[in-house]
Amino acid sequence: MYEIMNKEKNIIVGPKNQTIRDFYKDFSKNYPDFLSKNVIVDLREARIEKVSEILVFLNTAEEHANNASSFVIICHGMDYDELPDQLVIVPTMIEALDIIEMDEITRDLGF
């Protein structure tokens, strides 16, 4: 697992020459450190062969939402309609950062 950015409110992580499942195991070990932050999981370089590989993040995404934090996955080439609405998946880093910014504004306004 590698960290691209780790700031006060946001962290960006992704796999480093790992399968999605191996990355998720590493991610899960470190997850308690991420719980209070907005998380971006960068899977742009990962080889994802099945939609089900992304589903390992479903419980984590739901837990994060319940903790009033954002959880966004960057992944392109997926059929987003095949994934549950609880997973926020975007194709670019800019869109991931925009989603987090919009979520922060929404939370600040009390919604």
PDB file of N, CA and C in Angstrom:
ATOM      1  N   MET A   1       0.845  -1.179   0.000  1.00  0.00           N
ATOM      2  CA  MET A   1       0.000   0.000   0.000  1.00  0.00           C
ATOM      3  C   MET A   1       0.880   1.228   0.000  1.00  0.00           C
ATOM      4  N   TYR A   2       0.468   2.230  -0.731  1.00  0.00           N
ATOM      5  CA  TYR A   2       1.210   3.474  -0.704  1.00  0.00           C
ATOM      6  C   TYR A   2       0.279   4.622  -0.348  1.00  0.00           C
ATOM      7  N   GLU A   3       0.846   5.620   0.267  1.00  0.00           N
ATOM      8  CA  GLU A   3       0.114   6.841   0.569  1.00  0.00           C
ATOM      9  C   GLU A   3       0.597   7.911  -0.381  1.00  0.00           C
ATOM     10  N   ILE A   4      -0.332   8.559  -1.055  1.00  0.00           N
ATOM     11  CA  ILE A   4       0.032   9.667  -1.924  1.00  0.00           C
ATOM     12  C   ILE A   4       0.005  10.958  -1.124  1.00  0.00           C
ATOM     13  N   MET A   5      -1.014  11.073  -0.294  1.00  0.00           N
ATOM     14  CA  MET A   5      -1.187  12.299   0.481  1.00  0.00           C
ATOM     15  C   MET A   5      -1.820  11.923   1.810  1.00  0.00           C
ATOM     16  N   ASN A   6      -1.333  12.520   2.867  1.00  0.00           N
ATOM     17  CA  ASN A   6      -1.921  12.318   4.184  1.00  0.00           C
ATOM     18  C   ASN A   6      -1.934  13.669   4.878  1.00  0.00           C
ATOM     19  N   LYS A   7      -3.063  14.323   4.807  1.00  0.00           N
ATOM     20  CA  LYS A   7      -3.207  15.632   5.440  1.00  0.00           C
ATOM     21  C   LYS A   7      -4.176  15.522   6.604  1.00  0.00           C
ATOM     22  N   GLU A   8      -4.410  16.643   7.232  1.00  0.00           N
ATOM     23  CA  GLU A   8      -5.260  16.664   8.420  1.00  0.00           C
ATOM     24  C   GLU A   8      -6.630  16.023   8.191  1.00  0.00           C
ATOM     25  N   LYS A   9      -7.292  16.343   7.073  1.00  0.00           N
ATOM     26  CA  LYS A   9      -8.647  15.858   6.836  1.00  0.00           C
ATOM     27  C   LYS A   9      -8.751  14.786   5.762  1.00  0.00           C
ATOM     28  N   ASN A  10      -7.755  14.649   4.906  1.00  0.00           N
ATOM     29  CA  ASN A  10      -7.840  13.736   3.770  1.00  0.00           C
ATOM     30  C   ASN A  10      -6.623  12.824   3.696  1.00  0.00           C
ATOM     31  N   ILE A  11      -6.858  11.626   3.169  1.00  0.00           N
ATOM     32  CA  ILE A  11      -5.762  10.717   2.879  1.00  0.00           C
ATOM     33  C   ILE A  11      -6.065  10.052   1.535  1.00  0.00           C
ATOM     34  N   ILE A  12      -5.023   9.888   0.732  1.00  0.00           N
ATOM     35  CA  ILE A  12      -5.146   9.197  -0.548  1.00  0.00           C
ATOM     36  C   ILE A  12      -4.223   7.990  -0.485  1.00  0.00           C
ATOM     37  N   VAL A  13      -4.792   6.809  -0.734  1.00  0.00           N
ATOM     38  CA  VAL A  13      -4.020   5.566  -0.698  1.00  0.00           C
ATOM     39  C   VAL A  13      -4.325   4.741  -1.943  1.00  0.00           C
ATOM     40  N   GLY A  14      -3.435   3.803  -2.222  1.00  0.00           N
ATOM     41  CA  GLY A  14      -3.652   2.924  -3.357  1.00  0.00           C
ATOM     42  C   GLY A  14      -2.733   1.720  -3.288  1.00  0.00           C
ATOM     43  N   PRO A  15      -2.967   0.740  -4.140  1.00  0.00           N
ATOM     44  CA  PRO A  15      -2.137  -0.461  -4.129  1.00  0.00           C
ATOM     45  C   PRO A  15      -0.778  -0.213  -4.780  1.00  0.00           C
ATOM     46  N   LYS A  16       0.208  -0.882  -4.251  1.00  0.00           N
ATOM     47  CA  LYS A  16       1.546  -0.807  -4.828  1.00  0.00           C
ATOM     48  C   LYS A  16       1.924  -2.220  -5.260  1.00  0.00           C
ATOM     49  N   ASN A  17       1.760  -2.487  -6.548  1.00  0.00           N
ATOM     50  CA  ASN A  17       2.049  -3.813  -7.105  1.00  0.00           C
ATOM     51  C   ASN A  17       1.332  -4.916  -6.342  1.00  0.00           C
ATOM     52  N   GLN A  18       0.065  -4.697  -6.037  1.00  0.00           N
ATOM     53  CA  GLN A  18      -0.739  -5.659  -5.288  1.00  0.00           C
ATOM     54  C   GLN A  18      -2.050  -5.907  -6.014  1.00  0.00           C
ATOM     55  N   THR A  19      -2.654  -7.043  -5.715  1.00  0.00           N
ATOM     56  CA  THR A  19      -4.025  -7.265  -6.161  1.00  0.00           C
ATOM     57  C   THR A  19      -4.933  -6.403  -5.288  1.00  0.00           C
ATOM     58  N   ILE A  20      -6.149  -6.234  -5.726  1.00  0.00           N
ATOM     59  CA  ILE A  20      -7.112  -5.453  -4.935  1.00  0.00           C
ATOM     60  C   ILE A  20      -7.337  -6.118  -3.583  1.00  0.00           C
ATOM     61  N   ARG A  21      -7.446  -7.422  -3.546  1.00  0.00           N
ATOM     62  CA  ARG A  21      -7.676  -8.133  -2.275  1.00  0.00           C
ATOM     63  C   ARG A  21      -6.496  -7.957  -1.320  1.00  0.00           C
ATOM     64  N   ASP A  22      -5.259  -8.069  -1.824  1.00  0.00           N
ATOM     65  CA  ASP A  22      -4.084  -7.871  -0.969  1.00  0.00           C
ATOM     66  C   ASP A  22      -4.009  -6.436  -0.476  1.00  0.00           C
ATOM     67  N   PHE A  23      -4.317  -5.502  -1.362  1.00  0.00           N
ATOM     68  CA  PHE A  23      -4.337  -4.100  -0.949  1.00  0.00           C
ATOM     69  C   PHE A  23      -5.385  -3.888   0.136  1.00  0.00           C
ATOM     70  N   TYR A  24      -6.566  -4.494  -0.030  1.00  0.00           N
ATOM     71  CA  TYR A  24      -7.624  -4.320   0.953  1.00  0.00           C
ATOM     72  C   TYR A  24      -7.213  -4.874   2.318  1.00  0.00           C
ATOM     73  N   LYS A  25      -6.475  -5.972   2.326  1.00  0.00           N
ATOM     74  CA  LYS A  25      -5.982  -6.511   3.601  1.00  0.00           C
ATOM     75  C   LYS A  25      -5.074  -5.499   4.293  1.00  0.00           C
ATOM     76  N   ASP A  26      -4.145  -4.898   3.552  1.00  0.00           N
ATOM     77  CA  ASP A  26      -3.263  -3.864   4.121  1.00  0.00           C
ATOM     78  C   ASP A  26      -4.069  -2.654   4.559  1.00  0.00           C
ATOM     79  N   PHE A  27      -5.008  -2.257   3.711  1.00  0.00           N
ATOM     80  CA  PHE A  27      -5.844  -1.106   4.003  1.00  0.00           C
ATOM     81  C   PHE A  27      -6.633  -1.340   5.292  1.00  0.00           C
ATOM     82  N   SER A  28      -7.190  -2.535   5.438  1.00  0.00           N
ATOM     83  CA  SER A  28      -7.992  -2.856   6.629  1.00  0.00           C
ATOM     84  C   SER A  28      -7.169  -2.777   7.905  1.00  0.00           C
ATOM     85  N   LYS A  29      -5.920  -3.185   7.837  1.00  0.00           N
ATOM     86  CA  LYS A  29      -5.041  -3.102   9.008  1.00  0.00           C
ATOM     87  C   LYS A  29      -4.828  -1.651   9.437  1.00  0.00           C
ATOM     88  N   ASN A  30      -4.734  -0.755   8.459  1.00  0.00           N
ATOM     89  CA  ASN A  30      -4.477   0.659   8.736  1.00  0.00           C
ATOM     90  C   ASN A  30      -5.751   1.488   8.875  1.00  0.00           C
ATOM     91  N   TYR A  31      -6.891   0.878   8.590  1.00  0.00           N
ATOM     92  CA  TYR A  31      -8.150   1.627   8.546  1.00  0.00           C
ATOM     93  C   TYR A  31      -8.470   2.415   9.816  1.00  0.00           C
ATOM     94  N   PRO A  32      -8.213   1.898  11.014  1.00  0.00           N
ATOM     95  CA  PRO A  32      -8.523   2.710  12.199  1.00  0.00           C
ATOM     96  C   PRO A  32      -7.837   4.089  12.183  1.00  0.00           C
ATOM     97  N   ASP A  33      -6.677   4.184  11.551  1.00  0.00           N
ATOM     98  CA  ASP A  33      -5.988   5.478  11.438  1.00  0.00           C
ATOM     99  C   ASP A  33      -6.690   6.408  10.455  1.00  0.00           C
ATOM    100  N   PHE A  34      -7.490   5.843   9.548  1.00  0.00           N
ATOM    101  CA  PHE A  34      -8.139   6.630   8.501  1.00  0.00           C
ATOM    102  C   PHE A  34      -9.568   7.032   8.849  1.00  0.00           C
ATOM    103  N   LEU A  35     -10.120   6.445   9.882  1.00  0.00           N
ATOM    104  CA  LEU A  35     -11.543   6.587  10.170  1.00  0.00           C
ATOM    105  C   LEU A  35     -12.015   8.029  10.305  1.00  0.00           C
ATOM    106  N   SER A  36     -11.182   8.892  10.845  1.00  0.00           N
ATOM    107  CA  SER A  36     -11.594  10.282  11.036  1.00  0.00           C
ATOM    108  C   SER A  36     -11.268  11.175   9.841  1.00  0.00           C
ATOM    109  N   LYS A  37     -10.769  10.579   8.761  1.00  0.00           N
ATOM    110  CA  LYS A  37     -10.378  11.358   7.588  1.00  0.00           C
ATOM    111  C   LYS A  37     -11.246  11.007   6.391  1.00  0.00           C
ATOM    112  N   ASN A  38     -11.272  11.909   5.432  1.00  0.00           N
ATOM    113  CA  ASN A  38     -11.850  11.601   4.137  1.00  0.00           C
ATOM    114  C   ASN A  38     -10.830  10.749   3.404  1.00  0.00           C
ATOM    115  N   VAL A  39     -11.293   9.651   2.815  1.00  0.00           N
ATOM    116  CA  VAL A  39     -10.383   8.700   2.178  1.00  0.00           C
ATOM    117  C   VAL A  39     -10.644   8.642   0.674  1.00  0.00           C
ATOM    118  N   ILE A  40      -9.554   8.722  -0.078  1.00  0.00           N
ATOM    119  CA  ILE A  40      -9.604   8.464  -1.514  1.00  0.00           C
ATOM    120  C   ILE A  40      -8.751   7.227  -1.763  1.00  0.00           C
ATOM    121  N   VAL A  41      -9.361   6.216  -2.353  1.00  0.00           N
ATOM    122  CA  VAL A  41      -8.642   5.002  -2.733  1.00  0.00           C
ATOM    123  C   VAL A  41      -8.382   5.095  -4.235  1.00  0.00           C
ATOM    124  N   ASP A  42      -7.118   5.240  -4.596  1.00  0.00           N
ATOM    125  CA  ASP A  42      -6.728   5.425  -5.988  1.00  0.00           C
ATOM    126  C   ASP A  42      -6.421   4.075  -6.632  1.00  0.00           C
ATOM    127  N   LEU A  43      -7.349   3.605  -7.457  1.00  0.00           N
ATOM    128  CA  LEU A  43      -7.192   2.319  -8.122  1.00  0.00           C
ATOM    129  C   LEU A  43      -6.944   2.476  -9.626  1.00  0.00           C
ATOM    130  N   ARG A  44      -6.507   3.649 -10.039  1.00  0.00           N
ATOM    131  CA  ARG A  44      -6.297   3.883 -11.475  1.00  0.00           C
ATOM    132  C   ARG A  44      -5.243   2.965 -12.074  1.00  0.00           C
ATOM    133  N   GLU A  45      -4.247   2.593 -11.302  1.00  0.00           N
ATOM    134  CA  GLU A  45      -3.181   1.736 -11.813  1.00  0.00           C
ATOM    135  C   GLU A  45      -3.436   0.251 -11.564  1.00  0.00           C
ATOM    136  N   ALA A  46      -4.489  -0.063 -10.852  1.00  0.00           N
ATOM    137  CA  ALA A  46      -4.792  -1.459 -10.499  1.00  0.00           C
ATOM    138  C   ALA A  46      -5.451  -2.175 -11.674  1.00  0.00           C
ATOM    139  N   ARG A  47      -5.186  -3.447 -11.756  1.00  0.00           N
ATOM    140  CA  ARG A  47      -5.844  -4.276 -12.762  1.00  0.00           C
ATOM    141  C   ARG A  47      -7.091  -4.879 -12.133  1.00  0.00           C
ATOM    142  N   ILE A  48      -8.217  -4.358 -12.517  1.00  0.00           N
ATOM    143  CA  ILE A  48      -9.486  -4.824 -11.973  1.00  0.00           C
ATOM    144  C   ILE A  48     -10.207  -5.593 -13.073  1.00  0.00           C
ATOM    145  N   GLU A  49     -10.429  -6.859 -12.809  1.00  0.00           N
ATOM    146  CA  GLU A  49     -11.035  -7.712 -13.824  1.00  0.00           C
ATOM    147  C   GLU A  49     -12.525  -7.914 -13.622  1.00  0.00           C
ATOM    148  N   LYS A  50     -12.978  -7.796 -12.372  1.00  0.00           N
ATOM    149  CA  LYS A  50     -14.393  -8.011 -12.076  1.00  0.00           C
ATOM    150  C   LYS A  50     -14.902  -6.893 -11.175  1.00  0.00           C
ATOM    151  N   VAL A  51     -16.153  -6.555 -11.371  1.00  0.00           N
ATOM    152  CA  VAL A  51     -16.797  -5.556 -10.520  1.00  0.00           C
ATOM    153  C   VAL A  51     -16.764  -5.999  -9.066  1.00  0.00           C
ATOM    154  N   SER A  52     -16.845  -7.296  -8.840  1.00  0.00           N
ATOM    155  CA  SER A  52     -16.883  -7.817  -7.471  1.00  0.00           C
ATOM    156  C   SER A  52     -15.612  -7.469  -6.683  1.00  0.00           C
ATOM    157  N   GLU A  53     -14.511  -7.211  -7.377  1.00  0.00           N
ATOM    158  CA  GLU A  53     -13.281  -6.845  -6.672  1.00  0.00           C
ATOM    159  C   GLU A  53     -13.436  -5.515  -5.937  1.00  0.00           C
ATOM    160  N   ILE A  54     -14.221  -4.625  -6.482  1.00  0.00           N
ATOM    161  CA  ILE A  54     -14.461  -3.314  -5.870  1.00  0.00           C
ATOM    162  C   ILE A  54     -15.384  -3.454  -4.652  1.00  0.00           C
ATOM    163  N   LEU A  55     -16.229  -4.462  -4.656  1.00  0.00           N
ATOM    164  CA  LEU A  55     -17.216  -4.624  -3.590  1.00  0.00           C
ATOM    165  C   LEU A  55     -16.595  -4.884  -2.220  1.00  0.00           C
ATOM    166  N   VAL A  56     -15.312  -5.246  -2.158  1.00  0.00           N
ATOM    167  CA  VAL A  56     -14.674  -5.440  -0.852  1.00  0.00           C
ATOM    168  C   VAL A  56     -14.688  -4.147  -0.042  1.00  0.00           C
ATOM    169  N   PHE A  57     -14.831  -3.008  -0.712  1.00  0.00           N
ATOM    170  CA  PHE A  57     -14.836  -1.715  -0.036  1.00  0.00           C
ATOM    171  C   PHE A  57     -16.224  -1.275   0.434  1.00  0.00           C
ATOM    172  N   LEU A  58     -17.248  -2.046   0.153  1.00  0.00           N
ATOM    173  CA  LEU A  58     -18.620  -1.627   0.446  1.00  0.00           C
ATOM    174  C   LEU A  58     -18.852  -1.363   1.931  1.00  0.00           C
ATOM    175  N   ASN A  59     -18.500  -2.294   2.799  1.00  0.00           N
ATOM    176  CA  ASN A  59     -18.711  -2.093   4.237  1.00  0.00           C
ATOM    177  C   ASN A  59     -17.905  -0.913   4.761  1.00  0.00           C
ATOM    178  N   THR A  60     -16.697  -0.768   4.258  1.00  0.00           N
ATOM    179  CA  THR A  60     -15.849   0.350   4.676  1.00  0.00           C
ATOM    180  C   THR A  60     -16.481   1.671   4.264  1.00  0.00           C
ATOM    181  N   ALA A  61     -16.989   1.744   3.047  1.00  0.00           N
ATOM    182  CA  ALA A  61     -17.630   2.971   2.570  1.00  0.00           C
ATOM    183  C   ALA A  61     -18.848   3.318   3.421  1.00  0.00           C
ATOM    184  N   GLU A  62     -19.634   2.301   3.776  1.00  0.00           N
ATOM    185  CA  GLU A  62     -20.815   2.541   4.613  1.00  0.00           C
ATOM    186  C   GLU A  62     -20.418   2.995   6.012  1.00  0.00           C
ATOM    187  N   GLU A  63     -19.401   2.376   6.577  1.00  0.00           N
ATOM    188  CA  GLU A  63     -18.922   2.769   7.902  1.00  0.00           C
ATOM    189  C   GLU A  63     -18.406   4.210   7.883  1.00  0.00           C
ATOM    190  N   HIS A  64     -17.716   4.541   6.825  1.00  0.00           N
ATOM    191  CA  HIS A  64     -17.186   5.898   6.701  1.00  0.00           C
ATOM    192  C   HIS A  64     -18.320   6.919   6.608  1.00  0.00           C
ATOM    193  N   ALA A  65     -19.327   6.610   5.835  1.00  0.00           N
ATOM    194  CA  ALA A  65     -20.471   7.516   5.703  1.00  0.00           C
ATOM    195  C   ALA A  65     -21.163   7.705   7.047  1.00  0.00           C
ATOM    196  N   ASN A  66     -21.283   6.638   7.820  1.00  0.00           N
ATOM    197  CA  ASN A  66     -21.898   6.728   9.145  1.00  0.00           C
ATOM    198  C   ASN A  66     -21.049   7.534  10.120  1.00  0.00           C
ATOM    199  N   ASN A  67     -19.777   7.685   9.804  1.00  0.00           N
ATOM    200  CA  ASN A  67     -18.857   8.443  10.646  1.00  0.00           C
ATOM    201  C   ASN A  67     -18.697   9.885  10.145  1.00  0.00           C
ATOM    202  N   ALA A  68     -19.568  10.322   9.240  1.00  0.00           N
ATOM    203  CA  ALA A  68     -19.560  11.678   8.676  1.00  0.00           C
ATOM    204  C   ALA A  68     -18.233  12.008   7.995  1.00  0.00           C
ATOM    205  N   SER A  69     -17.720  11.052   7.247  1.00  0.00           N
ATOM    206  CA  SER A  69     -16.522  11.258   6.446  1.00  0.00           C
ATOM    207  C   SER A  69     -16.784  10.718   5.051  1.00  0.00           C
ATOM    208  N   SER A  70     -16.020  11.202   4.086  1.00  0.00           N
ATOM    209  CA  SER A  70     -16.193  10.766   2.700  1.00  0.00           C
ATOM    210  C   SER A  70     -15.248   9.618   2.374  1.00  0.00           C
ATOM    211  N   PHE A  71     -15.721   8.727   1.510  1.00  0.00           N
ATOM    212  CA  PHE A  71     -14.926   7.602   1.026  1.00  0.00           C
ATOM    213  C   PHE A  71     -15.160   7.514  -0.470  1.00  0.00           C
ATOM    214  N   VAL A  72     -14.119   7.804  -1.248  1.00  0.00           N
ATOM    215  CA  VAL A  72     -14.243   7.869  -2.706  1.00  0.00           C
ATOM    216  C   VAL A  72     -13.207   6.942  -3.331  1.00  0.00           C
ATOM    217  N   ILE A  73     -13.607   6.215  -4.345  1.00  0.00           N
ATOM    218  CA  ILE A  73     -12.711   5.330  -5.074  1.00  0.00           C
ATOM    219  C   ILE A  73     -12.501   5.896  -6.475  1.00  0.00           C
ATOM    220  N   ILE A  74     -11.244   5.973  -6.888  1.00  0.00           N
ATOM    221  CA  ILE A  74     -10.936   6.389  -8.254  1.00  0.00           C
ATOM    222  C   ILE A  74     -10.670   5.135  -9.058  1.00  0.00           C
ATOM    223  N   CYS A  75     -11.469   4.955 -10.090  1.00  0.00           N
ATOM    224  CA  CYS A  75     -11.333   3.771 -10.930  1.00  0.00           C
ATOM    225  C   CYS A  75     -11.983   4.094 -12.265  1.00  0.00           C
ATOM    226  N   HIS A  76     -11.290   3.820 -13.338  1.00  0.00           N
ATOM    227  CA  HIS A  76     -11.898   4.071 -14.645  1.00  0.00           C
ATOM    228  C   HIS A  76     -12.088   2.759 -15.383  1.00  0.00           C
ATOM    229  N   GLY A  77     -12.942   2.798 -16.377  1.00  0.00           N
ATOM    230  CA  GLY A  77     -13.204   1.613 -17.161  1.00  0.00           C
ATOM    231  C   GLY A  77     -14.204   0.660 -16.541  1.00  0.00           C
ATOM    232  N   MET A  78     -14.919   1.111 -15.533  1.00  0.00           N
ATOM    233  CA  MET A  78     -15.914   0.260 -14.869  1.00  0.00           C
ATOM    234  C   MET A  78     -17.310   0.673 -15.330  1.00  0.00           C
ATOM    235  N   ASP A  79     -18.220  -0.269 -15.287  1.00  0.00           N
ATOM    236  CA  ASP A  79     -19.623   0.044 -15.510  1.00  0.00           C
ATOM    237  C   ASP A  79     -20.199   0.424 -14.147  1.00  0.00           C
ATOM    238  N   TYR A  80     -20.272   1.710 -13.895  1.00  0.00           N
ATOM    239  CA  TYR A  80     -20.684   2.209 -12.584  1.00  0.00           C
ATOM    240  C   TYR A  80     -22.103   1.791 -12.220  1.00  0.00           C
ATOM    241  N   ASP A  81     -22.924   1.485 -13.216  1.00  0.00           N
ATOM    242  CA  ASP A  81     -24.305   1.064 -12.948  1.00  0.00           C
ATOM    243  C   ASP A  81     -24.358  -0.309 -12.278  1.00  0.00           C
ATOM    244  N   GLU A  82     -23.284  -1.078 -12.386  1.00  0.00           N
ATOM    245  CA  GLU A  82     -23.242  -2.406 -11.778  1.00  0.00           C
ATOM    246  C   GLU A  82     -22.870  -2.356 -10.295  1.00  0.00           C
ATOM    247  N   LEU A  83     -22.487  -1.187  -9.814  1.00  0.00           N
ATOM    248  CA  LEU A  83     -22.022  -1.049  -8.435  1.00  0.00           C
ATOM    249  C   LEU A  83     -23.096  -0.405  -7.570  1.00  0.00           C
ATOM    250  N   PRO A  84     -23.141  -0.752  -6.291  1.00  0.00           N
ATOM    251  CA  PRO A  84     -24.150  -0.162  -5.395  1.00  0.00           C
ATOM    252  C   PRO A  84     -23.923   1.335  -5.198  1.00  0.00           C
ATOM    253  N   ASP A  85     -25.005   2.033  -4.918  1.00  0.00           N
ATOM    254  CA  ASP A  85     -24.942   3.484  -4.733  1.00  0.00           C
ATOM    255  C   ASP A  85     -24.098   3.895  -3.531  1.00  0.00           C
ATOM    256  N   GLN A  86     -23.907   3.001  -2.580  1.00  0.00           N
ATOM    257  CA  GLN A  86     -23.116   3.324  -1.392  1.00  0.00           C
ATOM    258  C   GLN A  86     -21.637   3.539  -1.731  1.00  0.00           C
ATOM    259  N   LEU A  87     -21.204   3.010  -2.859  1.00  0.00           N
ATOM    260  CA  LEU A  87     -19.819   3.208  -3.292  1.00  0.00           C
ATOM    261  C   LEU A  87     -19.759   4.416  -4.210  1.00  0.00           C
ATOM    262  N   VAL A  88     -18.956   5.390  -3.824  1.00  0.00           N
ATOM    263  CA  VAL A  88     -18.760   6.570  -4.660  1.00  0.00           C
ATOM    264  C   VAL A  88     -17.506   6.312  -5.480  1.00  0.00           C
ATOM    265  N   ILE A  89     -17.717   6.149  -6.802  1.00  0.00           N
ATOM    266  CA  ILE A  89     -16.613   5.826  -7.694  1.00  0.00           C
ATOM    267  C   ILE A  89     -16.573   6.860  -8.804  1.00  0.00           C
ATOM    268  N   VAL A  90     -15.391   7.416  -9.016  1.00  0.00           N
ATOM    269  CA  VAL A  90     -15.186   8.424 -10.041  1.00  0.00           C
ATOM    270  C   VAL A  90     -13.957   8.053 -10.866  1.00  0.00           C
ATOM    271  N   PRO A  91     -13.846   8.606 -12.084  1.00  0.00           N
ATOM    272  CA  PRO A  91     -12.717   8.234 -12.932  1.00  0.00           C
ATOM    273  C   PRO A  91     -11.441   9.052 -12.742  1.00  0.00           C
ATOM    274  N   THR A  92     -11.514  10.207 -12.071  1.00  0.00           N
ATOM    275  CA  THR A  92     -10.322  11.057 -11.967  1.00  0.00           C
ATOM    276  C   THR A  92     -10.112  11.576 -10.541  1.00  0.00           C
ATOM    277  N   MET A  93      -8.877  11.973 -10.268  1.00  0.00           N
ATOM    278  CA  MET A  93      -8.538  12.557  -8.968  1.00  0.00           C
ATOM    279  C   MET A  93      -9.284  13.870  -8.742  1.00  0.00           C
ATOM    280  N   ILE A  94      -9.408  14.678  -9.775  1.00  0.00           N
ATOM    281  CA  ILE A  94     -10.100  15.963  -9.640  1.00  0.00           C
ATOM    282  C   ILE A  94     -11.538  15.741  -9.192  1.00  0.00           C
ATOM    283  N   GLU A  95     -12.204  14.761  -9.798  1.00  0.00           N
ATOM    284  CA  GLU A  95     -13.585  14.473  -9.409  1.00  0.00           C
ATOM    285  C   GLU A  95     -13.660  13.951  -7.971  1.00  0.00           C
ATOM    286  N   ALA A  96     -12.700  13.151  -7.563  1.00  0.00           N
ATOM    287  CA  ALA A  96     -12.685  12.645  -6.183  1.00  0.00           C
ATOM    288  C   ALA A  96     -12.553  13.802  -5.196  1.00  0.00           C
ATOM    289  N   LEU A  97     -11.633  14.715  -5.475  1.00  0.00           N
ATOM    290  CA  LEU A  97     -11.452  15.874  -4.589  1.00  0.00           C
ATOM    291  C   LEU A  97     -12.690  16.771  -4.593  1.00  0.00           C
ATOM    292  N   ASP A  98     -13.333  16.910  -5.750  1.00  0.00           N
ATOM    293  CA  ASP A  98     -14.568  17.698  -5.830  1.00  0.00           C
ATOM    294  C   ASP A  98     -15.685  17.067  -4.997  1.00  0.00           C
ATOM    295  N   ILE A  99     -15.811  15.752  -5.058  1.00  0.00           N
ATOM    296  CA  ILE A  99     -16.837  15.044  -4.262  1.00  0.00           C
ATOM    297  C   ILE A  99     -16.609  15.302  -2.781  1.00  0.00           C
ATOM    298  N   ILE A 100     -15.372  15.185  -2.341  1.00  0.00           N
ATOM    299  CA  ILE A 100     -15.060  15.418  -0.928  1.00  0.00           C
ATOM    300  C   ILE A 100     -15.373  16.851  -0.542  1.00  0.00           C
ATOM    301  N   GLU A 101     -15.027  17.792  -1.402  1.00  0.00           N
ATOM    302  CA  GLU A 101     -15.319  19.200  -1.105  1.00  0.00           C
ATOM    303  C   GLU A 101     -16.828  19.435  -0.994  1.00  0.00           C
ATOM    304  N   MET A 102     -17.591  18.840  -1.903  1.00  0.00           N
ATOM    305  CA  MET A 102     -19.054  18.991  -1.836  1.00  0.00           C
ATOM    306  C   MET A 102     -19.620  18.328  -0.584  1.00  0.00           C
ATOM    307  N   ASP A 103     -19.096  17.151  -0.232  1.00  0.00           N
ATOM    308  CA  ASP A 103     -19.537  16.479   0.993  1.00  0.00           C
ATOM    309  C   ASP A 103     -19.238  17.330   2.222  1.00  0.00           C
ATOM    310  N   GLU A 104     -18.054  17.923   2.258  1.00  0.00           N
ATOM    311  CA  GLU A 104     -17.679  18.782   3.396  1.00  0.00           C
ATOM    312  C   GLU A 104     -18.630  19.970   3.512  1.00  0.00           C
ATOM    313  N   ILE A 105     -18.965  20.592   2.397  1.00  0.00           N
ATOM    314  CA  ILE A 105     -19.900  21.730   2.403  1.00  0.00           C
ATOM    315  C   ILE A 105     -21.259  21.276   2.903  1.00  0.00           C
ATOM    316  N   THR A 106     -21.718  20.139   2.412  1.00  0.00           N
ATOM    317  CA  THR A 106     -23.012  19.598   2.840  1.00  0.00           C
ATOM    318  C   THR A 106     -23.039  19.340   4.341  1.00  0.00           C
ATOM    319  N   ARG A 107     -21.963  18.742   4.854  1.00  0.00           N
ATOM    320  CA  ARG A 107     -21.896  18.471   6.304  1.00  0.00           C
ATOM    321  C   ARG A 107     -21.832  19.773   7.103  1.00  0.00           C
ATOM    322  N   ASP A 108     -21.080  20.758   6.594  1.00  0.00           N
ATOM    323  CA  ASP A 108     -20.991  22.055   7.286  1.00  0.00           C
ATOM    324  C   ASP A 108     -22.345  22.757   7.347  1.00  0.00           C
ATOM    325  N   LEU A 109     -23.172  22.531   6.329  1.00  0.00           N
ATOM    326  CA  LEU A 109     -24.494  23.152   6.308  1.00  0.00           C
ATOM    327  C   LEU A 109     -25.509  22.355   7.129  1.00  0.00           C
ATOM    328  N   GLY A 110     -25.107  21.217   7.639  1.00  0.00           N
ATOM    329  CA  GLY A 110     -25.979  20.442   8.512  1.00  0.00           C
ATOM    330  C   GLY A 110     -26.892  19.461   7.808  1.00  0.00           C
ATOM    331  N   PHE A 111     -26.615  19.132   6.580  1.00  0.00           N
ATOM    332  CA  PHE A 111     -27.444  18.161   5.835  1.00  0.00           C
ATOM    333  C   PHE A 111     -26.943  16.769   5.994  1.00  0.00           C
TER     334      PHE A 111
END
